[in-house]
Structure formats: structure tokens, C-alpha cells
C-alpha atoms as a PDB file:
ATOM      1  CA  MET A   1      18.905   0.423  29.377  1.00  0.00           C
ATOM      2  CA  ASN A   2      16.972   3.138  27.564  1.00  0.00           C
ATOM      3  CA  GLN A   3      14.079   3.995  29.932  1.00  0.00           C
ATOM      4  CA  ALA A   4      11.681   5.191  27.204  1.00  0.00           C
ATOM      5  CA  GLU A   5      12.175   2.006  25.177  1.00  0.00           C
ATOM      6  CA  PHE A   6      11.890  -0.115  28.332  1.00  0.00           C
ATOM      7  CA  GLU A   7       8.577   1.515  29.274  1.00  0.00           C
ATOM      8  CA  SER A   8       7.328   1.106  25.709  1.00  0.00           C
ATOM      9  CA  ALA A   9       8.182  -2.623  25.842  1.00  0.00           C
ATOM     10  CA  LEU A  10       6.304  -2.984  29.147  1.00  0.00           C
ATOM     11  CA  LEU A  11       3.248  -1.277  27.688  1.00  0.00           C
ATOM     12  CA  THR A  12       3.422  -3.587  24.682  1.00  0.00           C
ATOM     13  CA  VAL A  13       3.493  -6.693  26.894  1.00  0.00           C
ATOM     14  CA  TRP A  14       0.637  -5.362  29.055  1.00  0.00           C
ATOM     15  CA  ARG A  15      -1.528  -4.391  26.058  1.00  0.00           C
ATOM     16  CA  GLN A  16      -0.999  -7.559  24.030  1.00  0.00           C
ATOM     17  CA  SER A  17      -1.535  -9.903  26.983  1.00  0.00           C
ATOM     18  CA  LEU A  18      -4.265  -8.209  29.047  1.00  0.00           C
ATOM     19  CA  VAL A  19      -6.107  -5.911  26.636  1.00  0.00           C
ATOM     20  CA  GLU A  20      -5.861  -7.883  23.390  1.00  0.00           C
ATOM     21  CA  ASN A  21      -5.787 -11.307  25.140  1.00  0.00           C
ATOM     22  CA  SER A  22      -3.119 -12.467  22.713  1.00  0.00           C
ATOM     23  CA  PRO A  23      -1.648 -15.969  23.254  1.00  0.00           C
ATOM     24  CA  SER A  24       1.809 -14.463  22.681  1.00  0.00           C
ATOM     25  CA  VAL A  25       3.510 -11.071  22.819  1.00  0.00           C
ATOM     26  CA  THR A  26       6.090  -9.579  20.497  1.00  0.00           C
ATOM     27  CA  VAL A  27       8.852  -7.451  22.002  1.00  0.00           C
ATOM     28  CA  ALA A  28      11.715  -6.070  19.899  1.00  0.00           C
ATOM     29  CA  GLY A  29      10.851  -8.449  17.058  1.00  0.00           C
ATOM     30  CA  LYS A  30      10.821 -11.585  19.239  1.00  0.00           C
ATOM     31  CA  THR A  31       7.718 -13.542  20.234  1.00  0.00           C
ATOM     32  CA  PHE A  32       7.111 -14.892  23.739  1.00  0.00           C
ATOM     33  CA  PRO A  33       4.180 -17.090  24.880  1.00  0.00           C
ATOM     34  CA  VAL A  34       1.601 -15.899  27.390  1.00  0.00           C
ATOM     35  CA  ARG A  35       0.890 -18.571  30.001  1.00  0.00           C
ATOM     36  CA  SER A  36      -2.108 -18.919  32.291  1.00  0.00           C
ATOM     37  CA  VAL A  37      -1.002 -19.944  35.772  1.00  0.00           C
ATOM     38  CA  THR A  38      -2.721 -20.842  39.051  1.00  0.00           C
ATOM     39  CA  LYS A  39      -6.366 -21.582  39.633  1.00  0.00           C
ATOM     40  CA  HIS A  40      -7.151 -17.924  38.903  1.00  0.00           C
ATOM     41  CA  LYS A  41      -5.810 -18.286  35.336  1.00  0.00           C
ATOM     42  CA  LEU A  42      -3.526 -15.307  35.871  1.00  0.00           C
ATOM     43  CA  LYS A  43      -1.365 -14.384  32.907  1.00  0.00           C
ATOM     44  CA  GLU A  44       2.419 -14.623  33.040  1.00  0.00           C
ATOM     45  CA  ILE A  45       5.032 -13.822  30.414  1.00  0.00           C
ATOM     46  CA  TYR A  46       8.778 -14.354  30.465  1.00  0.00           C
ATOM     47  CA  PHE A  47      10.512 -12.138  27.913  1.00  0.00           C
ATOM     48  CA  ARG A  48      13.881 -10.595  27.153  1.00  0.00           C
ATOM     49  CA  PHE A  49      14.566  -6.929  26.601  1.00  0.00           C
ATOM     50  CA  GLU A  50      18.069  -5.671  25.818  1.00  0.00           C
ATOM     51  CA  GLY A  51      19.568  -8.759  27.456  1.00  0.00           C
ATOM     52  CA  HIS A  52      17.416  -8.522  30.597  1.00  0.00           C
ATOM     53  CA  LYS A  53      15.152 -11.466  31.457  1.00  0.00           C
ATOM     54  CA  ILE A  54      11.882 -10.053  32.769  1.00  0.00           C
ATOM     55  CA  ARG A  55       8.703 -11.691  34.055  1.00  0.00           C
ATOM     56  CA  GLY A  56       5.376  -9.962  33.720  1.00  0.00           C
ATOM     57  CA  SER A  57       2.478 -11.290  35.782  1.00  0.00           C
ATOM     58  CA  GLU A  58      -0.967 -10.328  36.963  1.00  0.00           C
ATOM     59  CA  PRO A  59      -1.226  -9.879  40.724  1.00  0.00           C
ATOM     60  CA  TYR A  60      -3.386 -12.256  42.760  1.00  0.00           C
ATOM     61  CA  PRO A  61      -6.778 -10.565  43.231  1.00  0.00           C
ATOM     62  CA  ASP A  62      -7.334 -12.154  46.659  1.00  0.00           C
ATOM     63  CA  THR A  63      -4.512 -10.479  48.585  1.00  0.00           C
ATOM     64  CA  GLU A  64      -4.696  -7.276  50.618  1.00  0.00           C
ATOM     65  CA  SER A  65      -2.312  -5.273  48.412  1.00  0.00           C
ATOM     66  CA  ARG A  66      -3.303  -2.006  46.725  1.00  0.00           C
ATOM     67  CA  LEU A  67      -2.647  -3.578  43.333  1.00  0.00           C
ATOM     68  CA  SER A  68      -4.974  -6.468  44.119  1.00  0.00           C
ATOM     69  CA  ALA A  69      -7.641  -3.980  45.186  1.00  0.00           C
ATOM     70  CA  LYS A  70      -7.281  -2.240  41.814  1.00  0.00           C
ATOM     71  CA  VAL A  71      -7.686  -5.604  40.044  1.00  0.00           C
ATOM     72  CA  ARG A  72     -10.859  -6.299  42.033  1.00  0.00           C
ATOM     73  CA  GLU A  73     -12.134  -2.854  40.983  1.00  0.00           C
ATOM     74  CA  GLY A  74     -11.632  -3.829  37.327  1.00  0.00           C
ATOM     75  CA  SER A  75      -8.216  -2.366  36.533  1.00  0.00           C
ATOM     76  CA  LYS A  76      -5.880  -4.241  34.227  1.00  0.00           C
ATOM     77  CA  VAL A  77      -2.618  -4.584  36.159  1.00  0.00           C
ATOM     78  CA  MET A  78       0.677  -6.320  35.424  1.00  0.00           C
ATOM     79  CA  GLN A  79       3.773  -6.430  37.637  1.00  0.00           C
ATOM     80  CA  PHE A  80       7.256  -6.801  36.163  1.00  0.00           C
ATOM     81  CA  VAL A  81      10.129  -8.540  37.953  1.00  0.00           C
ATOM     82  CA  GLU A  82      13.804  -8.869  37.072  1.00  0.00           C
ATOM     83  CA  ARG A  83      16.136 -11.075  39.147  1.00  0.00           C
ATOM     84  CA  GLY A  84      13.647 -11.187  42.013  1.00  0.00           C
ATOM     85  CA  TYR A  85      13.049  -7.422  42.210  1.00  0.00           C
ATOM     86  CA  TYR A  86       9.926  -5.560  41.130  1.00  0.00           C
ATOM     87  CA  VAL A  87      11.031  -3.111  38.450  1.00  0.00           C
ATOM     88  CA  ALA A  88       7.718  -1.744  37.176  1.00  0.00           C
ATOM     89  CA  VAL A  89       3.952  -1.946  37.233  1.00  0.00           C
ATOM     90  CA  VAL A  90       1.549  -1.140  34.416  1.00  0.00           C
ATOM     91  CA  ARG A  91      -1.967  -0.246  35.506  1.00  0.00           C
ATOM     92  CA  ASP A  92      -4.612   0.657  32.950  1.00  0.00           C
ATOM     93  CA  GLY A  93      -1.995   1.729  30.413  1.00  0.00           C
ATOM     94  CA  LYS A  94       0.137   3.811  32.774  1.00  0.00           C
ATOM     95  CA  VAL A  95       3.700   2.717  33.551  1.00  0.00           C
ATOM     96  CA  PHE A  96       5.036   3.054  37.073  1.00  0.00           C
ATOM     97  CA  ASN A  97       8.764   2.518  36.524  1.00  0.00           C
ATOM     98  CA  LEU A  98      10.069   1.680  39.988  1.00  0.00           C
ATOM     99  CA  LEU A  99      13.710   1.864  38.895  1.00  0.00           C
ATOM    100  CA  LYS A 100      13.234   5.370  37.524  1.00  0.00           C
ATOM    101  CA  MET A 101      11.366   6.465  40.647  1.00  0.00           C
ATOM    102  CA  LEU A 102      14.238   5.234  42.831  1.00  0.00           C
ATOM    103  CA  ALA A 103      16.830   6.957  40.658  1.00  0.00           C
ATOM    104  CA  ASP A 104      14.876  10.240  40.784  1.00  0.00           C
ATOM    105  CA  HIS A 105      15.003  10.208  44.611  1.00  0.00           C
ATOM    106  CA  ASP A 106      18.794   9.816  44.821  1.00  0.00           C
END
């Protein structure tokens, strides 16, 4: 997977869903619906990128995590999961690519 294109796709999903409040996002020419889930109306998107099925979701603001604290402070945050593993976070337009960070430490 091309890391630059992957990060660009994550930014696109984050921007279209959280900044532009679009009812759908377009990634690599394909459109995917944005759903509101839970009583908090948190946004969630299932999309495909280069054959990988990825879920983007807003973190719950009521938990004790650092990401939730950022949400409570007003940051726009989305977590990305593939096959049950967190692969990236986008916070206020900055990508934290967890896979790349792990690879850089090997």
C-alpha cells in the first residue's frame, strides 16, 4: 500500500465527513455513505482503499482516552481501523499513521 496515497485517502474521509459534514465520502472514485451511530450521533464510514476494508469513526467523547479529551476540547478526530487494528488517526487535519510509526521503529 502506498503510504502517501493512504494518508491522502484518510484525510479525504476525515475532511468530507467531519469538516464538510457530507452525507457520503468519495475515495478513489468510489462513494461511501457516512452513518451516524450511537446516541452521540458519532460518524462512521466503511470504505475500501486498494482492496483494504477500513472503518473510520469518531471516538466517544465520554471516555478517559487522550483522543476523547481532544474531542471534548473541540478537535475534529477520526480513528481508522482495519481488521480490528487501529491503523491511523486524523486529528485536526494531521495524520498519525500508526502503521508507519511502527515500521519506523523496527
